[in-house]
Structure formats: structure tokens, C-alpha cells
């Protein structure tokens, strides 16, 4: 019975350790992304057709179209109640809140 308890506890630790796979690092962001007009709610004539992400001066920073952002897992920028300037990395896509509209960019 004691062995079962130990195995149960160890299984719980392994489960917890495997969670949290949504952490993003600088290398995950690097690349050029193109606007997916079909998945965007913005007027395509008012936003950029592509964005470029390069490495910042530290491993905790990225430069997105000339602006430097500190990484916060898979999000950078600031948005209050869905309005502002915020970028969220989701695999090969960046979901952007640009002012009051949402845009989606796909890595080239």
C-alpha cells in the first residue's frame, strides 16, 4: 500500500511538471509574419501587411517592428479592456490587438 501512495505522489509531480507548456521564449517569436486578412477584424488598409520580430538586447526582449518589448510568456505589449497594443504568440500565429481592432499574422 505504501508503494501505491509513493507512485501516486510521483505521478502527481510528473503531471504538474508537464503542465505549463505555453511558455514562450525569445526564439519562438523570431521571424516575419504576414497579415491573415480573413482572420482579422481590422481594415487591412489601416494596418501593416507584415510584421518583423527580431531578438532584443537580452533574452527577455524582442523587437517587433522597431519597438522593444519585454517578454511575458506568450504576450507582449499593453491592453486595457481589449483596447491598446498587445501581441500574443500562438504557435506560428501572432494575434494582435491594435487599438480597438484584432488582427492575426501568420509566420512566413
Protein backbone atom coordinates (compact mmCIF):
# COMPACT_ATOMS: atom_id res chain seq x y z
CA UNK A 1 0.00 0.00 0.00
CA UNK A 2 2.89 2.34 0.77
CA UNK A 3 4.29 1.77 -2.70
CA UNK A 4 0.96 2.79 -4.26
CA UNK A 5 0.99 6.04 -2.30
CA UNK A 6 4.54 6.78 -3.42
CA UNK A 7 3.65 6.02 -7.05
CA UNK A 8 0.55 8.22 -6.80
CA UNK A 9 2.55 11.15 -5.40
CA UNK A 10 5.28 10.72 -8.03
CA UNK A 11 2.65 10.59 -10.77
CA UNK A 12 1.22 13.86 -9.48
CA UNK A 13 4.64 15.51 -9.58
CA UNK A 14 5.22 14.34 -13.15
CA UNK A 15 1.79 15.61 -14.17
CA UNK A 16 2.44 19.04 -12.64
CA UNK A 17 5.89 19.22 -14.21
CA UNK A 18 4.46 18.50 -17.65
CA UNK A 19 1.92 21.33 -17.40
CA UNK A 20 2.75 24.89 -18.40
CA UNK A 21 3.89 24.14 -21.93
CA UNK A 22 2.63 27.54 -23.03
CA UNK A 23 5.80 29.36 -22.01
CA UNK A 24 7.32 31.23 -24.91
CA UNK A 25 10.97 32.20 -25.24
CA UNK A 26 12.60 34.76 -27.48
CA UNK A 27 13.43 32.22 -30.21
CA UNK A 28 9.74 31.28 -30.52
CA UNK A 29 8.90 34.83 -31.59
CA UNK A 30 11.68 35.49 -34.15
CA UNK A 31 10.51 35.73 -37.76
CA UNK A 32 8.45 37.60 -40.31
CA UNK A 33 4.67 37.38 -40.18
CA UNK A 34 2.07 38.21 -42.84
CA UNK A 35 -1.41 39.56 -42.15
CA UNK A 36 -4.21 36.99 -42.45
CA UNK A 37 -6.92 39.35 -43.69
CA UNK A 38 -9.64 36.68 -43.43
CA UNK A 39 -8.96 36.16 -39.70
CA UNK A 40 -8.63 39.86 -38.92
CA UNK A 41 -11.28 42.33 -37.86
CA UNK A 42 -9.22 45.38 -38.83
CA UNK A 43 -9.47 47.34 -42.05
CA UNK A 44 -6.43 45.97 -43.90
CA UNK A 45 -5.69 49.40 -45.35
CA UNK A 46 -5.10 50.84 -41.86
CA UNK A 47 -2.62 48.24 -40.53
CA UNK A 48 0.65 46.76 -41.70
CA UNK A 49 0.52 43.78 -44.08
CA UNK A 50 3.52 42.21 -42.36
CA UNK A 51 5.44 42.46 -39.12
CA UNK A 52 9.01 41.52 -38.29
CA UNK A 53 10.24 40.18 -34.95
CA UNK A 54 13.95 40.15 -34.09
CA UNK A 55 15.97 39.47 -30.95
CA UNK A 56 16.26 42.23 -28.39
CA UNK A 57 19.34 43.20 -26.40
CA UNK A 58 18.67 40.43 -23.85
CA UNK A 59 17.00 37.03 -23.98
CA UNK A 60 13.98 38.60 -22.27
CA UNK A 61 13.35 41.11 -25.05
CA UNK A 62 12.08 41.13 -28.63
CA UNK A 63 11.93 43.93 -31.18
CA UNK A 64 8.63 43.94 -33.03
CA UNK A 65 8.52 46.38 -35.95
CA UNK A 66 11.09 48.61 -34.28
CA UNK A 67 9.53 48.66 -30.79
CA UNK A 68 11.23 46.77 -27.96
CA UNK A 69 9.08 44.63 -25.69
CA UNK A 70 9.88 42.61 -22.57
CA UNK A 71 8.60 39.05 -22.85
CA UNK A 72 5.74 38.00 -20.60
CA UNK A 73 5.49 34.34 -21.64
CA UNK A 74 3.50 34.44 -24.87
CA UNK A 75 2.35 38.07 -24.65
CA UNK A 76 3.94 41.47 -25.11
CA UNK A 77 2.53 44.99 -25.08
CA UNK A 78 -0.31 46.51 -23.11
CA UNK A 79 -4.05 46.24 -23.47
CA UNK A 80 -6.73 47.55 -21.15
CA UNK A 81 -10.20 46.07 -21.59
CA UNK A 82 -9.25 44.84 -25.07
CA UNK A 83 -8.01 48.21 -26.32
CA UNK A 84 -4.34 49.05 -26.72
CA UNK A 85 -1.36 47.43 -28.36
CA UNK A 86 -0.83 43.79 -27.45
CA UNK A 87 0.62 40.79 -29.27
CA UNK A 88 0.05 37.15 -28.32
CA UNK A 89 2.07 34.31 -29.84
CA UNK A 90 0.12 31.12 -30.54
CA UNK A 91 2.28 28.62 -32.41
CA UNK A 92 3.06 30.17 -35.80
CA UNK A 93 0.50 32.94 -35.38
CA UNK A 94 0.59 36.31 -33.66
CA UNK A 95 -2.76 37.63 -32.54
CA UNK A 96 -2.60 41.40 -32.26
CA UNK A 97 -4.81 43.94 -30.55
CA UNK A 98 -4.15 47.12 -32.49
CA UNK A 99 -6.11 49.95 -30.94
CA UNK A 100 -9.68 48.72 -30.94
CA UNK A 101 -9.37 46.03 -33.62
CA UNK A 102 -7.96 42.50 -33.71
CA UNK A 103 -5.57 41.22 -36.36
CA UNK A 104 -3.89 37.89 -36.93
CA UNK A 105 -0.48 37.38 -38.53
CA UNK A 106 0.99 34.06 -39.73
CA UNK A 107 4.73 33.26 -39.74
CA UNK A 108 6.22 33.07 -43.24
